[in-house]
Protein backbone atom coordinates (compact mmCIF):
# COMPACT_ATOMS: atom_id res chain seq x y z
CA MET A 1 -6.40 19.62 -1.08
CA ALA A 2 -8.66 17.46 -3.19
CA ASP A 3 -11.65 19.47 -4.46
CA ASP A 4 -14.29 17.17 -2.99
CA ARG A 5 -13.68 16.46 0.70
CA GLU A 6 -16.71 14.19 1.10
CA PRO A 7 -15.64 10.51 1.03
CA ARG A 8 -16.82 8.80 -2.12
CA GLU A 9 -18.88 5.61 -2.31
CA HIS A 10 -15.89 3.27 -2.63
CA VAL A 11 -14.17 4.97 0.34
CA ARG A 12 -17.20 4.36 2.53
CA ARG A 13 -17.40 0.74 1.36
CA ASN A 14 -13.73 0.06 1.98
CA ARG A 15 -13.92 1.73 5.40
CA ALA A 16 -16.81 -0.54 6.38
CA ARG A 17 -15.00 -3.60 5.00
CA TRP A 18 -11.84 -2.97 6.99
CA ASP A 19 -13.68 -2.09 10.17
CA VAL A 20 -15.11 -5.62 9.99
CA GLU A 21 -11.90 -7.32 8.79
CA ALA A 22 -9.63 -5.61 11.31
CA LYS A 23 -9.96 -8.34 13.93
CA SER A 24 -8.54 -10.87 11.45
CA TYR A 25 -5.34 -8.84 11.07
CA VAL A 26 -4.48 -8.28 14.73
CA ALA A 27 -2.03 -11.20 14.94
CA ALA A 28 -0.24 -10.10 11.75
CA ALA A 29 -0.07 -6.56 13.12
CA GLU A 30 1.53 -7.77 16.32
CA ARG A 31 4.13 -9.72 14.36
CA GLY A 32 4.82 -6.75 12.10
CA TRP A 33 5.31 -4.32 14.99
CA ALA A 34 7.61 -6.78 16.76
CA ARG A 35 9.94 -7.10 13.76
CA GLU A 36 13.23 -5.22 13.75
CA ASP A 37 13.92 -6.16 10.12
CA PRO A 38 11.00 -5.39 7.77
CA VAL A 39 9.49 -7.93 5.41
CA TRP A 40 7.21 -6.99 2.54
CA GLY A 41 4.14 -8.16 0.70
CA ILE A 42 2.24 -11.42 0.64
CA TRP A 43 5.50 -13.44 0.58
CA HIS A 44 7.26 -11.50 3.37
CA VAL A 45 10.26 -10.72 1.22
CA ALA A 46 13.12 -9.36 3.31
CA GLU A 47 14.09 -5.69 3.31
CA SER A 48 17.64 -6.81 2.56
CA GLN A 49 16.38 -8.14 -0.79
CA LEU A 50 14.04 -5.30 -1.78
CA ASN A 51 15.58 -2.23 -0.08
CA VAL A 52 12.20 -0.55 0.18
CA ILE A 53 13.05 1.96 2.90
CA PRO A 54 15.43 4.74 1.78
CA ALA A 55 18.91 4.54 3.27
CA ASN A 56 18.63 7.55 5.56
CA VAL A 57 15.18 8.57 6.76
CA ARG A 58 16.29 10.03 10.11
CA GLY A 59 14.66 13.40 10.59
CA LYS A 60 12.67 13.08 7.36
CA HIS A 61 8.92 13.69 7.33
CA ALA A 62 7.08 10.60 6.09
CA ILE A 63 3.46 9.55 5.64
CA GLU A 64 1.99 6.07 5.20
CA LEU A 65 -1.05 6.26 2.92
CA GLY A 66 -3.57 3.65 4.01
CA CYS A 67 -1.51 2.59 7.00
CA GLY A 68 -3.90 -0.03 8.42
CA THR A 69 -2.29 -1.18 11.66
CA ALA A 70 0.75 1.04 10.93
CA TYR A 71 3.50 -1.55 11.22
CA VAL A 72 5.27 0.07 8.23
CA SER A 73 5.05 3.40 10.03
CA SER A 74 6.61 1.75 13.09
CA TRP A 75 9.57 0.59 11.00
CA LEU A 76 10.09 4.15 9.75
CA ALA A 77 9.72 5.62 13.25
CA ARG A 78 12.37 3.26 14.62
CA ARG A 79 14.71 4.54 11.90
CA GLY A 80 14.22 8.11 13.04
CA ALA A 81 11.59 9.31 10.57
CA ARG A 82 8.92 11.77 11.67
CA VAL A 83 6.07 9.63 10.44
CA VAL A 84 2.30 10.09 10.14
CA GLY A 85 -0.14 7.30 9.34
CA ILE A 86 -3.55 7.81 7.75
CA ASP A 87 -6.25 5.18 7.32
CA ALA A 88 -10.00 5.08 6.74
CA SER A 89 -10.65 2.28 9.25
CA MET A 90 -11.03 3.30 12.88
CA SER A 91 -10.78 -0.37 13.90
CA GLN A 92 -7.41 -0.77 12.20
CA LEU A 93 -6.16 2.41 13.84
CA ALA A 94 -7.34 1.16 17.24
CA THR A 95 -4.98 -1.81 16.84
CA ALA A 96 -2.20 0.57 15.78
CA ARG A 97 -2.72 2.80 18.84
CA ARG A 98 -2.63 -0.19 21.18
CA LEU A 99 0.62 -1.38 19.61
CA GLN A 100 2.12 2.10 19.87
CA LYS A 101 1.69 1.83 23.64
CA THR A 102 3.04 -1.72 23.71
CA HIS A 103 6.20 -0.76 21.83
CA GLY A 104 6.67 2.73 23.22
CA LEU A 105 6.40 4.49 19.87
CA THR A 106 4.42 7.69 19.42
CA PHE A 107 3.47 9.23 16.09
CA PRO A 108 0.26 10.76 14.71
CA LEU A 109 -2.44 8.44 13.37
CA ILE A 110 -5.14 10.14 11.32
CA HIS A 111 -8.59 8.67 10.74
CA GLY A 112 -9.07 9.90 7.21
CA ASP A 113 -8.98 9.34 3.50
CA ALA A 114 -5.79 9.11 1.42
CA GLU A 115 -7.73 10.69 -1.45
CA ALA A 116 -8.15 13.88 0.63
CA VAL A 117 -5.28 14.07 3.12
CA PRO A 118 -5.79 16.71 5.85
CA CYS A 119 -2.16 17.88 5.67
CA CYS A 120 -0.49 20.95 4.21
CA ASP A 121 1.06 21.13 0.77
CA ALA A 122 4.70 19.99 0.53
CA ALA A 123 4.67 18.64 4.11
CA PHE A 124 6.53 15.35 3.52
CA ASP A 125 9.77 13.97 2.13
CA LEU A 126 8.42 10.43 1.72
CA ALA A 127 5.02 8.85 1.05
CA ILE A 128 4.75 5.06 1.28
CA SER A 129 2.00 2.49 0.79
CA GLU A 130 2.06 -1.28 1.07
CA TYR A 131 -1.30 -2.56 -0.19
CA GLY A 132 -2.88 0.57 1.26
CA ALA A 133 -3.99 3.56 -0.79
CA CYS A 134 -2.25 2.08 -3.83
CA LEU A 135 -4.82 -0.75 -3.82
CA TRP A 136 -7.95 0.62 -2.14
CA ALA A 137 -8.01 4.27 -3.30
CA ASP A 138 -8.82 5.81 -6.66
CA PRO A 139 -5.49 6.56 -8.38
CA ASP A 140 -7.04 9.59 -10.07
CA ARG A 141 -7.36 11.06 -6.56
CA TRP A 142 -4.68 9.54 -4.32
CA ILE A 143 -1.77 10.04 -6.73
CA PRO A 144 -2.41 13.81 -7.10
CA GLU A 145 -2.81 14.00 -3.32
CA ALA A 146 0.53 12.26 -2.82
CA ALA A 147 2.09 14.78 -5.20
CA ARG A 148 0.48 17.68 -3.35
CA ILE A 149 1.74 16.70 0.10
CA LEU A 150 5.27 15.79 -1.08
CA ARG A 151 8.00 18.37 -1.35
CA PRO A 152 9.88 18.75 -4.64
CA GLY A 153 12.31 15.84 -4.69
CA GLY A 154 10.11 13.85 -2.30
CA GLU A 155 9.78 10.12 -2.90
CA LEU A 156 6.69 7.98 -3.43
CA ILE A 157 7.10 4.23 -2.81
CA PHE A 158 4.31 1.69 -3.11
CA LEU A 159 3.93 -2.09 -3.25
CA VAL A 160 0.88 -3.68 -4.84
CA ASN A 161 -0.30 -6.71 -6.82
CA SER A 162 1.31 -6.91 -10.24
CA THR A 163 -0.73 -6.20 -13.33
CA LEU A 164 -0.08 -9.74 -14.56
CA PHE A 165 -1.26 -11.27 -11.29
CA THR A 166 -4.49 -9.29 -11.49
CA LEU A 167 -5.11 -10.56 -15.02
CA CYS A 168 -4.55 -14.19 -14.01
CA VAL A 169 -6.11 -14.58 -10.53
CA PRO A 170 -9.57 -16.19 -10.48
CA ALA A 171 -12.51 -14.10 -9.31
CA GLU A 172 -13.66 -16.89 -7.03
CA ASP A 173 -12.40 -16.45 -3.48
CA GLU A 174 -9.34 -18.46 -2.40
CA LEU A 175 -8.67 -20.11 -5.78
CA PRO A 176 -4.95 -19.88 -6.70
CA VAL A 177 -3.63 -17.76 -9.52
CA THR A 178 -3.52 -19.54 -12.89
CA ASP A 179 -1.20 -19.60 -15.91
CA ARG A 180 -4.01 -18.21 -18.11
CA LEU A 181 -5.26 -14.69 -18.73
CA LEU A 182 -8.73 -14.45 -17.20
CA ARG A 183 -9.68 -10.81 -17.83
CA PRO A 184 -8.76 -8.05 -20.28
CA GLU A 185 -6.03 -5.53 -19.50
CA PHE A 186 -7.50 -2.75 -21.61
CA GLY A 187 -9.95 -0.78 -19.51
CA MET A 188 -8.90 -2.43 -16.25
CA PHE A 189 -9.39 0.00 -13.38
CA ARG A 190 -12.04 -0.54 -10.70
CA ILE A 191 -12.50 -4.16 -9.64
CA GLU A 192 -15.17 -5.59 -7.34
CA TRP A 193 -14.58 -9.25 -6.54
CA PRO A 194 -17.59 -11.55 -5.98
CA GLY A 195 -18.46 -11.81 -2.31
CA ASP A 196 -16.12 -8.98 -1.30
CA PRO A 197 -17.82 -5.73 -0.23
CA GLY A 198 -14.69 -3.69 -0.94
CA VAL A 199 -13.49 -1.95 -4.08
CA GLU A 200 -9.95 -2.35 -5.46
CA PHE A 201 -8.14 -0.42 -8.19
CA HIS A 202 -5.74 -2.10 -10.62
CA MET A 203 -4.12 -0.68 -13.74
CA SER A 204 -1.78 -1.54 -16.58
CA HIS A 205 1.81 -0.32 -16.43
CA GLY A 206 1.05 2.31 -19.05
CA ASP A 207 -1.84 3.69 -17.01
CA TRP A 208 0.31 3.82 -13.85
CA ILE A 209 3.05 5.66 -15.75
CA ARG A 210 0.69 8.19 -17.31
CA ARG A 211 -1.02 9.00 -14.02
CA LEU A 212 2.23 9.33 -12.10
CA ARG A 213 3.77 11.61 -14.71
CA ALA A 214 0.59 13.70 -15.00
CA SER A 215 0.85 14.44 -11.26
CA GLY A 216 4.46 15.57 -11.51
CA PHE A 217 6.34 12.36 -10.71
CA GLU A 218 9.38 10.94 -12.43
CA ILE A 219 9.47 7.15 -12.24
CA GLU A 220 12.78 5.93 -10.85
CA ASP A 221 12.29 2.19 -10.60
CA LEU A 222 9.85 -0.69 -10.92
CA THR A 223 10.85 -3.89 -9.14
CA GLU A 224 8.98 -7.03 -10.10
CA VAL A 225 9.13 -8.98 -6.86
CA ARG A 226 10.34 -12.57 -6.93
CA PRO A 227 9.98 -14.38 -3.59
CA PRO A 228 12.77 -16.70 -2.42
CA GLU A 229 12.33 -20.45 -2.83
CA THR A 230 11.65 -20.82 0.89
CA ALA A 231 8.88 -18.18 1.03
CA THR A 232 5.49 -18.96 2.51
CA THR A 233 2.21 -17.07 2.59
CA SER A 234 -1.18 -17.31 4.28
CA TYR A 235 -3.01 -16.20 1.14
CA ALA A 236 -4.56 -19.14 -0.70
CA TYR A 237 -4.84 -17.21 -3.97
CA ALA A 238 -1.04 -16.97 -4.19
CA SER A 239 1.15 -19.79 -5.48
CA LEU A 240 4.89 -19.92 -4.89
CA GLU A 241 5.46 -21.85 -8.11
CA TRP A 242 3.57 -19.15 -10.05
CA SER A 243 5.26 -16.27 -8.23
CA ARG A 244 8.70 -17.72 -8.87
CA ARG A 245 7.95 -17.78 -12.61
CA TRP A 246 6.00 -14.52 -12.96
CA PRO A 247 5.87 -11.41 -10.77
CA GLY A 248 2.93 -11.39 -8.38
CA GLU A 249 3.86 -8.06 -6.81
CA GLU A 250 5.36 -4.78 -7.99
CA LEU A 251 7.34 -2.19 -6.09
CA TRP A 252 7.16 1.29 -7.63
CA ARG A 253 9.44 4.24 -6.86
CA ALA A 254 8.75 7.74 -8.15
CA ARG A 255 10.08 11.18 -7.26
CA ARG A 256 8.23 14.47 -7.17
CA ARG A 257 9.55 16.94 -9.72
């Protein structure tokens, strides 16, 4: 377990943020739960293009770190995984529990912190995060926790904004990403956007690699996501023209040694 079980300041802030924001994500949650074929990220890139979910998860123990409304967990459960979701927002989990009943799927949902997961060591074969812990949790805490709860050979998969996107997106809300560097990469870690009460964490590729390896992971792949020409998004800060030229999202795969 993490040494300090008390949620840190950024965890409390992000919990409060998502308890307020949860109502704005109900419709997206309903669409996600209703999907048989997963789509990923801000551009809804098809599973057939990205192959995020391992080929055979039936009977495997999986955890979604920062599950939100748990639609990713639902996709794993439908494929036979023994999945657990954990999230800091009780409001997000309330939506997830309602949708479990709607779709007849039952799996544990934990109100907790991905930086201090209340699960035993080596309990899981797979840990996954789509804009969950990999964005909203401190990587110096959630990555070691992911390593702790994964069995040797277990897989960590996460999808998050690309480093380049983070360097180029304006701080002002809803302004689209630019073709200019707007902030330094060296020292990039904790980011607080103007007008947003939450706290995000973004790093360079080198910092991701060093932290993953320090926690006992071997990096197997890094996919720089390119959306199809027909992709659409509801996020005003994203531009299809930009994202077709430069990667706006990154999919990481690492395996526990």
